[in-house]
Amino acid sequence: MHDIRTPLTALYGLADTLSSDPAISEPQAHETAGNLRDQAMQLDTMVTNLLDMARMQAGQVTLRREWQPLDEVIGASIDFVTPTLKGRQVIVNIDTDLPLVNIDAVLVERVLCNLIENAAKFSPEASSLHINAGNGFPANRLDTVFTLFERGDQDGQSASMGVGLTICRAIVEAHAGQIAASNPDPGGACVTFTLSRGSPPEIVLDVEPNVAFNGAAT
C-alpha cells in the first residue's frame, strides 16, 4: 500500500498545477483539474488511515510524546484539512489557560483531522464547524461509530471508508485516553476525547543579564 502514495502525490501535484495554470483559458478545465486534486487528496487520506490502522493493529506504533500546547496542535490540524473544507468556517473555543499535554502531536493531529473531516462530510454545506459539530449520529448506532468500516449515512457527495473514527479511537486509547460519541440536546453530533493531563515541566526563561560596556553585569 505504500507504493500507492507515490502516484497519488504525483497525481495531486499535476492536478493542482493544472487547476491554477494561467495558460489554460477554459474555466471548465480548471474546475475539472481542481476536482481531480480534491479527490486525490481524499484518496490519500483514506490510504493514510488504512496504513495507520494496520500499524496500530500490528502494535508497530511507538508514541513520540512531547509536551505540547493543545491550541497549536488544533491549529495545525485545521491548516492541514482547510483545502478539503471548501470555505467552511471552523470555530475553536478553548480555554486560554490550558496546560501543556504530553502527547504524540502527529497522531493527535490525525485524530483532530479525522474528526473535522467527518464533521464536514456529514453536516449541511453552509454550516460552520465547531470541532464538535455535525448532523448527529443515528441513536441506535452510537455504540458502533468507532467500529472499523462503519460508515454514516451519505448523500452521495462524500467518500468514506469508515476508518477515520476507528483510527481516532486507537490513537486516543494509545495515549491512555477515552473517546465517546453522543448527540447533544440542541442537535448535532459530539465526539469527545480525553488526554492525560500529567505534570507539565516548568518553563524556565533563559534571560541573559544586560552587560554594560565596562563588562560589569547589571
Protein backbone atom coordinates (compact mmCIF):
# COMPACT_ATOMS: atom_id res chain seq x y z
CA MET A 1 0.00 0.00 0.00
CA HIS A 2 3.00 2.29 0.50
CA ASP A 3 3.54 2.17 -3.27
CA ILE A 4 0.16 3.88 -3.78
CA ARG A 5 1.41 7.05 -2.08
CA THR A 6 3.92 7.92 -4.83
CA PRO A 7 1.49 8.06 -7.77
CA LEU A 8 -1.09 9.74 -5.54
CA THR A 9 1.35 12.51 -4.69
CA ALA A 10 2.20 12.93 -8.38
CA LEU A 11 -1.49 12.97 -9.32
CA TYR A 12 -2.27 15.63 -6.72
CA GLY A 13 0.67 17.78 -7.84
CA LEU A 14 -0.25 17.58 -11.53
CA ALA A 15 -3.93 18.35 -10.88
CA ASP A 16 -3.03 21.26 -8.60
CA THR A 17 -0.72 22.69 -11.26
CA LEU A 18 -3.37 22.38 -13.97
CA SER A 19 -6.06 23.95 -11.80
CA SER A 20 -4.02 27.15 -11.48
CA ASP A 21 -2.23 27.19 -14.85
CA PRO A 22 -2.82 30.63 -16.46
CA ALA A 23 -2.10 29.15 -19.87
CA ILE A 24 -5.36 27.19 -19.68
CA SER A 25 -8.19 29.58 -20.51
CA GLU A 26 -11.11 27.15 -20.35
CA PRO A 27 -12.86 27.54 -16.93
CA GLN A 28 -14.27 24.02 -17.08
CA ALA A 29 -10.75 22.59 -17.43
CA HIS A 30 -9.67 24.43 -14.28
CA GLU A 31 -12.71 23.14 -12.43
CA THR A 32 -12.10 19.56 -13.57
CA ALA A 33 -8.45 19.72 -12.52
CA GLY A 34 -9.50 21.12 -9.14
CA ASN A 35 -11.93 18.25 -8.65
CA LEU A 36 -9.21 15.75 -9.54
CA ARG A 37 -6.91 17.38 -6.99
CA ASP A 38 -9.57 17.23 -4.26
CA GLN A 39 -10.37 13.58 -4.98
CA ALA A 40 -6.67 12.69 -4.93
CA MET A 41 -6.37 14.32 -1.51
CA GLN A 42 -9.36 12.35 -0.20
CA LEU A 43 -7.89 9.11 -1.53
CA ASP A 44 -4.56 9.95 0.10
CA THR A 45 -6.35 10.45 3.42
CA MET A 46 -8.04 7.05 3.07
CA VAL A 47 -4.72 5.34 2.33
CA THR A 48 -3.09 7.08 5.29
CA ASN A 49 -5.89 5.93 7.59
CA LEU A 50 -5.61 2.33 6.41
CA LEU A 51 -1.83 2.34 6.89
CA ASP A 52 -2.20 3.84 10.35
CA MET A 53 -4.85 1.27 11.26
CA ALA A 54 -2.64 -1.59 10.06
CA ARG A 55 0.28 -0.31 12.14
CA MET A 56 -1.95 0.13 15.20
CA GLN A 57 -3.33 -3.38 14.93
CA ALA A 58 0.17 -4.80 14.47
CA GLY A 59 1.43 -2.93 17.54
CA GLN A 60 4.05 -1.15 15.45
CA VAL A 61 3.29 2.37 16.64
CA THR A 62 5.60 3.93 19.21
CA LEU A 63 4.31 7.16 20.70
CA ARG A 64 6.72 10.07 20.38
CA ARG A 65 5.44 12.02 23.35
CA GLU A 66 6.41 15.64 23.93
CA TRP A 67 4.85 18.41 25.99
CA GLN A 68 2.73 20.35 23.53
CA PRO A 69 0.36 23.35 23.66
CA LEU A 70 -3.01 21.98 22.58
CA ASP A 71 -4.02 25.14 20.74
CA GLU A 72 -1.06 24.76 18.37
CA VAL A 73 -1.94 21.13 17.67
CA ILE A 74 -5.52 22.16 16.89
CA GLY A 75 -4.32 24.99 14.65
CA ALA A 76 -2.01 22.69 12.71
CA SER A 77 -4.85 20.21 12.19
CA ILE A 78 -7.18 22.89 10.85
CA ASP A 79 -4.48 24.16 8.48
CA PHE A 80 -3.97 20.64 7.13
CA VAL A 81 -7.64 19.97 6.34
CA THR A 82 -8.57 23.50 5.19
CA PRO A 83 -8.27 22.63 1.46
CA THR A 84 -10.95 19.94 1.88
CA LEU A 85 -13.41 22.16 3.79
CA LYS A 86 -14.30 24.30 0.75
CA GLY A 87 -14.59 27.55 2.65
CA ARG A 88 -16.24 26.14 5.78
CA GLN A 89 -15.62 28.21 8.90
CA VAL A 90 -14.02 26.35 11.79
CA ILE A 91 -14.68 27.94 15.18
CA VAL A 92 -12.40 26.96 18.05
CA ASN A 93 -13.43 27.62 21.63
CA ILE A 94 -10.82 26.55 24.17
CA ASP A 95 -9.66 27.91 27.49
CA THR A 96 -6.65 30.20 27.26
CA ASP A 97 -5.02 28.73 30.35
CA LEU A 98 -4.89 25.08 29.27
CA PRO A 99 -1.75 23.28 30.47
CA LEU A 100 0.67 21.57 28.14
CA VAL A 101 -0.24 17.97 27.27
CA ASN A 102 2.23 15.11 26.92
CA ILE A 103 1.23 13.66 23.53
CA ASP A 104 2.43 12.45 20.16
CA ALA A 105 1.43 15.62 18.32
CA VAL A 106 1.42 13.98 14.86
CA LEU A 107 -1.02 11.27 15.95
CA VAL A 108 -3.30 13.63 17.88
CA GLU A 109 -3.38 15.89 14.82
CA ARG A 110 -4.57 12.82 12.89
CA VAL A 111 -7.41 12.42 15.42
CA LEU A 112 -8.47 16.04 15.01
CA CYS A 113 -8.16 15.94 11.21
CA ASN A 114 -10.40 12.88 11.01
CA LEU A 115 -12.98 14.42 13.34
CA ILE A 116 -13.06 17.72 11.44
CA GLU A 117 -13.30 15.98 8.07
CA ASN A 118 -16.11 13.73 9.34
CA ALA A 119 -17.99 16.77 10.62
CA ALA A 120 -17.61 18.42 7.22
CA LYS A 121 -18.79 15.32 5.34
CA PHE A 122 -21.93 14.71 7.36
CA SER A 123 -23.19 18.22 8.07
CA PRO A 124 -25.01 20.80 5.90
CA GLU A 125 -22.71 22.57 3.44
CA ALA A 126 -23.47 26.04 4.81
CA SER A 127 -22.83 25.16 8.45
CA SER A 128 -19.76 26.20 10.38
CA LEU A 129 -17.70 23.62 12.24
CA HIS A 130 -17.08 23.87 15.95
CA ILE A 131 -14.89 20.79 16.17
CA ASN A 132 -17.85 19.08 17.82
CA ALA A 133 -20.43 19.92 15.19
CA GLY A 134 -22.28 17.57 12.84
CA ASN A 135 -25.65 16.25 11.79
CA GLY A 136 -25.89 13.85 14.70
CA PHE A 137 -25.26 10.12 14.89
CA PRO A 138 -28.09 7.64 14.48
CA ALA A 139 -29.21 6.94 18.04
CA ASN A 140 -29.10 3.18 17.50
CA ARG A 141 -25.51 3.31 16.22
CA LEU A 142 -23.73 5.36 18.87
CA ASP A 143 -22.03 2.21 20.18
CA THR A 144 -20.66 1.26 16.75
CA VAL A 145 -19.43 4.56 15.23
CA PHE A 146 -15.83 3.68 16.19
CA THR A 147 -16.01 0.23 14.61
CA LEU A 148 -13.75 -0.40 11.62
CA PHE A 149 -15.53 0.21 8.26
CA GLU A 150 -18.65 1.56 10.00
CA ARG A 151 -19.98 4.31 7.73
CA GLY A 152 -22.50 7.04 8.31
CA ASP A 153 -25.44 7.84 6.04
CA GLN A 154 -24.06 9.62 2.99
CA ASP A 155 -25.60 11.91 0.41
CA GLY A 156 -23.50 10.53 -2.44
CA GLN A 157 -21.15 13.52 -2.42
CA SER A 158 -18.75 12.35 0.28
CA ALA A 159 -16.30 9.49 0.11
CA SER A 160 -15.80 7.47 3.26
CA MET A 161 -14.46 4.03 4.15
CA GLY A 162 -15.48 4.03 7.79
CA VAL A 163 -11.89 4.04 9.04
CA GLY A 164 -11.37 7.56 10.40
CA LEU A 165 -13.15 7.18 13.74
CA THR A 166 -11.54 3.79 14.33
CA ILE A 167 -8.15 5.43 13.90
CA CYS A 168 -9.21 8.14 16.34
CA ARG A 169 -10.13 5.58 18.98
CA ALA A 170 -6.88 3.63 18.51
CA ILE A 171 -4.73 6.75 18.86
CA VAL A 172 -6.62 8.12 21.86
CA GLU A 173 -6.52 4.77 23.66
CA ALA A 174 -2.79 4.50 22.91
CA HIS A 175 -2.47 7.72 24.91
CA ALA A 176 -4.42 6.04 27.75
CA GLY A 177 -7.37 8.32 26.98
CA GLN A 178 -11.03 7.70 26.19
CA ILE A 179 -13.22 8.74 23.26
CA ALA A 180 -17.01 8.75 23.03
CA ALA A 181 -19.80 9.86 20.70
CA SER A 182 -23.08 11.47 21.68
CA ASN A 183 -25.98 13.50 20.35
CA PRO A 184 -26.34 16.71 22.42
CA ASP A 185 -29.81 18.09 23.12
CA PRO A 186 -29.50 21.17 20.87
CA GLY A 187 -28.78 18.88 17.92
CA GLY A 188 -25.69 17.90 16.00
CA ALA A 189 -23.07 15.30 16.80
CA CYS A 190 -20.46 15.45 19.52
CA VAL A 191 -17.25 13.44 19.77
CA THR A 192 -15.23 13.99 22.93
CA PHE A 193 -11.88 12.53 23.89
CA THR A 194 -9.66 12.84 26.93
CA LEU A 195 -5.91 13.07 27.29
CA SER A 196 -3.95 12.64 30.49
CA ARG A 197 -3.02 16.00 31.98
CA GLY A 198 0.11 14.73 33.70
CA SER A 199 2.64 17.09 35.26
CA PRO A 200 3.99 19.54 32.68
CA PRO A 201 7.61 20.63 33.13
CA GLU A 202 8.30 24.08 34.49
CA ILE A 203 9.16 26.59 31.80
CA VAL A 204 12.33 28.46 32.74
CA LEU A 205 13.02 31.52 30.61
CA ASP A 206 16.66 31.79 29.64
CA VAL A 207 17.20 35.53 30.07
CA GLU A 208 20.74 36.79 29.77
CA PRO A 209 21.79 39.68 32.02
CA ASN A 210 22.34 43.07 30.45
CA VAL A 211 26.07 43.69 30.07
CA ALA A 212 27.45 47.20 30.41
CA PHE A 213 30.24 48.46 28.19
CA ASN A 214 32.75 48.10 31.04
CA GLY A 215 31.98 44.36 31.25
CA ALA A 216 30.13 44.56 34.55
CA ALA A 217 26.87 42.63 34.64
CA THR A 218 23.84 44.63 35.72
